[in-house]
Amino acid sequence: MIWVRPDLGALFAGLAFEDFLALGQQTVKRSAGGARHTCSFERGGQRFFVKTHAGVGWGEIAKNWLSGKRAIVDARPEARALERCAALGIPAPRLAAWGVEGANPAARLSFVVTEELADAERLSAWLRARPRPSFALRRALAGRLGRLVGRLHAAHLAHQDLYLDHVFLRTYGADGFELFLLDLHRALPSSERRQRWRVKDLAALFGSARALGATRTDALRFLLAYAGATGLGGRERTLWRRCARRAR
């Protein structure tokens, strides 16, 4: 099965499943076990990224099941998450194409193609290069990030890998900037009644931000913006305490 965004049909016309897997021209990232491989390529004057998923094997699936996690066996969760983000206006890379082949979950092959986020960089790298951002910029970043993550959770999506490395920033003008969520390959729909997935996302984000110098004041600004975006309000004090404990 192959899906291509209608406006890009002519650009990828005639490509078979194997052709999509071979699109990568320059390796960008490879997972520790080698199951996921991300490459960049150009086509028709546009720049894209293709992430391919190889079979993870029954051992990896069993390990996830035994630890109470859902095994990620193909690119379907990322494609669905990107589609949902696009429908709700949550900033993320635009999905260009995706495909899955094989009934056996342990040996399934799949891919997802996204458009490049031009002139954007990882927020973590940007902050490392600017260890002392201005007060106004810190306040704006914390608030904007809180609203972004709040909108994701309000849509009942759990990122499940939510570190600052997976937030990208694009700057423009003197003080303008945009934030985007990336690496949604683990993202899954989650029940509003269960807080565990929300705690995991927020604790991962807090921990990675604190390692880059985030303060309690930054965290408070984030949480206020997050609560406003989710509609949770102040009744979620227990949630905040659980996030702080897990981040520590």
Protein backbone atom coordinates (compact mmCIF):
# COMPACT_ATOMS: atom_id res chain seq x y z
CA MET A 1 0.00 0.00 0.00
CA ILE A 2 1.32 3.44 -1.01
CA TRP A 3 -0.27 6.84 -0.31
CA VAL A 4 0.97 10.04 -1.98
CA ARG A 5 -0.38 13.51 -1.24
CA PRO A 6 -2.55 14.48 -4.21
CA ASP A 7 -0.64 17.67 -5.09
CA LEU A 8 2.60 15.63 -5.27
CA GLY A 9 1.18 12.82 -7.39
CA ALA A 10 3.00 13.90 -10.55
CA LEU A 11 6.30 14.32 -8.68
CA PHE A 12 6.31 10.73 -7.42
CA ALA A 13 4.43 9.16 -10.33
CA GLY A 14 5.65 5.73 -11.39
CA LEU A 15 7.54 4.92 -8.20
CA ALA A 16 7.08 1.42 -6.83
CA PHE A 17 7.40 0.56 -3.14
CA GLU A 18 11.08 -0.41 -3.54
CA ASP A 19 11.76 2.90 -5.31
CA PHE A 20 10.52 4.86 -2.30
CA LEU A 21 12.79 2.84 -0.01
CA ALA A 22 15.75 3.75 -2.22
CA LEU A 23 15.05 7.49 -2.45
CA GLY A 24 17.57 8.50 0.22
CA GLN A 25 20.67 10.28 -1.06
CA GLN A 26 22.30 11.36 2.21
CA THR A 27 21.99 9.62 5.58
CA VAL A 28 20.73 11.90 8.35
CA LYS A 29 20.00 9.49 11.19
CA ARG A 30 20.01 5.77 11.92
CA SER A 31 18.42 4.16 14.98
CA ALA A 32 20.58 2.16 17.38
CA GLY A 33 19.36 -1.19 16.09
CA GLY A 34 19.27 -0.05 12.47
CA ALA A 35 15.52 -0.64 12.09
CA ARG A 36 14.86 3.02 11.22
CA HIS A 37 16.94 4.94 8.72
CA THR A 38 16.37 8.60 7.77
CA CYS A 39 17.84 10.12 4.60
CA SER A 40 17.41 13.37 2.71
CA PHE A 41 16.85 13.70 -1.03
CA GLU A 42 15.81 16.21 -3.66
CA ARG A 43 13.15 15.72 -6.30
CA GLY A 44 11.74 18.29 -8.71
CA GLY A 45 13.72 21.05 -7.01
CA GLN A 46 12.20 20.24 -3.60
CA ARG A 47 13.97 18.76 -0.60
CA PHE A 48 12.43 15.85 1.33
CA PHE A 49 13.28 13.32 4.02
CA VAL A 50 12.47 9.63 3.80
CA LYS A 51 12.39 7.47 6.94
CA THR A 52 12.41 3.75 6.24
CA HIS A 53 11.42 1.05 8.74
CA ALA A 54 12.85 -2.45 8.43
CA GLY A 55 11.48 -5.46 10.29
CA VAL A 56 12.07 -5.13 14.04
CA GLY A 57 11.95 -8.88 14.75
CA TRP A 58 9.84 -10.82 17.23
CA GLY A 59 12.38 -10.26 20.00
CA GLU A 60 11.83 -6.49 19.96
CA ILE A 61 8.05 -6.94 19.81
CA ALA A 62 8.12 -9.32 22.78
CA LYS A 63 10.35 -6.95 24.78
CA ASN A 64 7.84 -4.13 24.29
CA TRP A 65 4.87 -6.32 25.19
CA LEU A 66 6.56 -7.53 28.38
CA SER A 67 7.26 -3.95 29.46
CA GLY A 68 3.67 -2.88 28.77
CA LYS A 69 4.50 -0.86 25.65
CA ARG A 70 3.09 -1.01 22.16
CA ALA A 71 5.75 -2.06 19.67
CA ILE A 72 6.33 0.33 16.76
CA VAL A 73 6.59 -2.02 13.78
CA ASP A 74 6.10 0.34 10.84
CA ALA A 75 5.70 3.97 9.73
CA ARG A 76 1.92 4.00 10.14
CA PRO A 77 1.85 5.78 13.57
CA GLU A 78 4.03 8.63 12.30
CA ALA A 79 1.99 9.02 9.11
CA ARG A 80 -1.29 9.09 11.06
CA ALA A 81 0.13 11.55 13.61
CA LEU A 82 1.33 13.89 10.84
CA GLU A 83 -2.08 13.70 9.16
CA ARG A 84 -3.78 14.61 12.44
CA CYS A 85 -1.36 17.45 13.12
CA ALA A 86 -2.02 18.86 9.64
CA ALA A 87 -5.79 18.62 10.14
CA LEU A 88 -5.58 20.47 13.49
CA GLY A 89 -2.99 23.04 12.45
CA ILE A 90 -0.31 21.72 14.85
CA PRO A 91 3.09 22.71 13.38
CA ALA A 92 4.95 19.63 12.13
CA PRO A 93 6.59 18.56 8.84
CA ARG A 94 4.15 18.13 5.97
CA LEU A 95 3.50 14.53 5.04
CA ALA A 96 4.32 13.82 1.37
CA ALA A 97 3.91 10.05 1.09
CA TRP A 98 3.95 6.85 3.08
CA GLY A 99 3.62 3.13 2.51
CA VAL A 100 3.55 -0.26 4.23
CA GLU A 101 4.24 -3.72 2.81
CA GLY A 102 3.99 -7.10 4.53
CA ALA A 103 1.51 -8.80 6.86
CA ASN A 104 4.13 -10.13 9.31
CA PRO A 105 4.64 -7.34 11.91
CA ALA A 106 8.15 -8.58 12.75
CA ALA A 107 9.35 -8.34 9.13
CA ARG A 108 7.21 -5.52 7.77
CA LEU A 109 8.79 -2.84 5.56
CA SER A 110 7.49 0.74 5.48
CA PHE A 111 8.45 4.34 4.79
CA VAL A 112 7.28 7.89 5.40
CA VAL A 113 8.30 10.90 3.28
CA THR A 114 8.07 14.45 4.65
CA GLU A 115 8.88 17.87 3.27
CA GLU A 116 11.96 19.64 4.58
CA LEU A 117 11.48 22.31 7.25
CA ALA A 118 13.65 24.87 5.51
CA ASP A 119 15.89 27.06 7.70
CA ALA A 120 14.85 25.25 10.88
CA GLU A 121 17.14 23.65 13.48
CA ARG A 122 16.80 21.62 16.64
CA LEU A 123 15.75 23.80 19.56
CA SER A 124 18.29 22.04 21.79
CA ALA A 125 21.17 22.91 19.45
CA TRP A 126 19.93 26.48 19.11
CA LEU A 127 19.84 26.90 22.90
CA ARG A 128 23.31 25.38 23.36
CA ALA A 129 24.68 28.01 20.98
CA ARG A 130 22.94 30.75 23.01
CA PRO A 131 23.39 29.79 26.68
CA ARG A 132 22.04 33.14 27.93
CA PRO A 133 18.97 34.12 25.90
CA SER A 134 17.20 37.32 26.90
CA PHE A 135 14.40 37.32 29.48
CA ALA A 136 11.87 38.23 26.79
CA LEU A 137 12.99 35.38 24.54
CA ARG A 138 12.90 32.81 27.37
CA ARG A 139 9.39 33.91 28.27
CA ALA A 140 8.25 33.69 24.64
CA LEU A 141 9.85 30.27 24.11
CA ALA A 142 8.32 28.79 27.27
CA GLY A 143 4.87 30.10 26.42
CA ARG A 144 4.96 29.06 22.77
CA LEU A 145 6.28 25.59 23.64
CA GLY A 146 3.60 25.16 26.30
CA ARG A 147 0.83 26.00 23.84
CA LEU A 148 2.31 23.69 21.19
CA VAL A 149 2.52 20.66 23.50
CA GLY A 150 -0.86 21.55 25.01
CA ARG A 151 -2.49 21.45 21.58
CA LEU A 152 -0.88 18.06 20.89
CA HIS A 153 -2.23 16.62 24.13
CA ALA A 154 -5.61 18.28 23.68
CA ALA A 155 -5.84 16.29 20.43
CA HIS A 156 -5.27 13.14 22.55
CA LEU A 157 -1.91 12.40 20.94
CA ALA A 158 1.07 11.18 22.96
CA HIS A 159 4.45 11.96 21.38
CA GLN A 160 6.29 9.39 23.59
CA ASP A 161 9.72 10.76 22.64
CA LEU A 162 9.26 14.40 23.58
CA TYR A 163 12.72 15.86 24.20
CA LEU A 164 13.95 19.29 23.10
CA ASP A 165 15.92 17.47 20.39
CA HIS A 166 12.56 16.71 18.76
CA VAL A 167 11.36 20.31 18.73
CA PHE A 168 12.60 22.44 15.83
CA LEU A 169 12.82 26.21 15.69
CA ARG A 170 12.75 28.57 12.72
CA THR A 171 13.64 32.20 13.34
CA TYR A 172 12.74 35.24 11.27
CA GLY A 173 13.27 38.95 11.79
CA ALA A 174 14.70 40.24 15.05
CA ASP A 175 12.55 38.30 17.54
CA GLY A 176 10.13 36.21 15.50
CA PHE A 177 10.21 32.42 15.60
CA GLU A 178 8.14 29.27 14.94
CA LEU A 179 8.25 25.91 16.71
CA PHE A 180 7.59 22.51 15.14
CA LEU A 181 7.23 18.97 16.50
CA LEU A 182 9.32 16.29 14.81
CA ASP A 183 10.13 12.58 15.16
CA LEU A 184 6.55 11.46 15.69
CA HIS A 185 7.28 7.81 14.89
CA ARG A 186 6.16 6.74 18.38
CA ALA A 187 3.12 9.05 18.54
CA LEU A 188 -0.12 7.25 19.36
CA PRO A 189 -3.69 8.25 20.23
CA SER A 190 -4.18 8.20 24.00
CA SER A 191 -7.18 8.27 26.28
CA GLU A 192 -7.91 11.53 28.07
CA ARG A 193 -8.60 9.58 31.26
CA ARG A 194 -5.07 8.17 31.47
CA GLN A 195 -2.42 10.60 32.69
CA ARG A 196 0.56 8.27 32.32
CA TRP A 197 1.30 9.23 28.72
CA ARG A 198 0.96 12.94 29.49
CA VAL A 199 3.33 12.64 32.46
CA LYS A 200 5.89 10.79 30.33
CA ASP A 201 5.89 13.48 27.63
CA LEU A 202 6.09 16.41 30.05
CA ALA A 203 8.74 14.81 32.25
CA ALA A 204 10.95 14.06 29.24
CA LEU A 205 10.59 17.65 28.05
CA PHE A 206 11.26 19.11 31.50
CA GLY A 207 14.32 16.93 32.01
CA SER A 208 15.90 17.87 28.67
CA ALA A 209 15.08 21.57 29.19
CA ARG A 210 16.56 21.62 32.68
CA ALA A 211 19.80 20.14 31.32
CA LEU A 212 19.99 23.22 29.06
CA GLY A 213 19.48 25.70 31.89
CA ALA A 214 15.69 26.01 32.13
CA THR A 215 14.56 27.47 35.47
CA ARG A 216 11.52 26.94 37.70
CA THR A 217 10.14 30.19 36.32
CA ASP A 218 10.50 28.87 32.76
CA ALA A 219 8.68 25.68 33.80
CA LEU A 220 5.85 27.69 35.39
CA ARG A 221 5.37 29.76 32.24
CA PHE A 222 5.32 26.58 30.19
CA LEU A 223 2.74 24.94 32.46
CA LEU A 224 0.45 27.97 32.46
CA ALA A 225 0.48 28.05 28.65
CA TYR A 226 0.07 24.26 28.49
CA ALA A 227 -2.90 24.28 30.85
CA GLY A 228 -4.58 27.04 28.86
CA ALA A 229 -4.14 25.13 25.59
CA THR A 230 -5.50 21.87 27.02
CA GLY A 231 -8.28 23.42 29.08
CA LEU A 232 -6.98 21.64 32.18
CA GLY A 233 -6.71 24.71 34.36
CA GLY A 234 -5.42 24.66 37.91
CA ARG A 235 -7.11 21.40 38.91
CA GLU A 236 -4.17 19.40 37.56
CA ARG A 237 -1.74 20.06 40.43
CA THR A 238 -1.31 16.32 40.96
CA LEU A 239 -0.24 15.98 37.33
CA TRP A 240 2.42 18.67 37.73
CA ARG A 241 3.81 16.99 40.85
CA ARG A 242 4.02 13.63 39.06
CA CYS A 243 5.84 15.29 36.13
CA ALA A 244 8.36 16.92 38.48
CA ARG A 245 9.04 13.62 40.26
CA ARG A 246 9.53 11.73 37.01
CA ALA A 247 11.76 14.47 35.55
CA ARG A 248 13.98 14.33 38.66
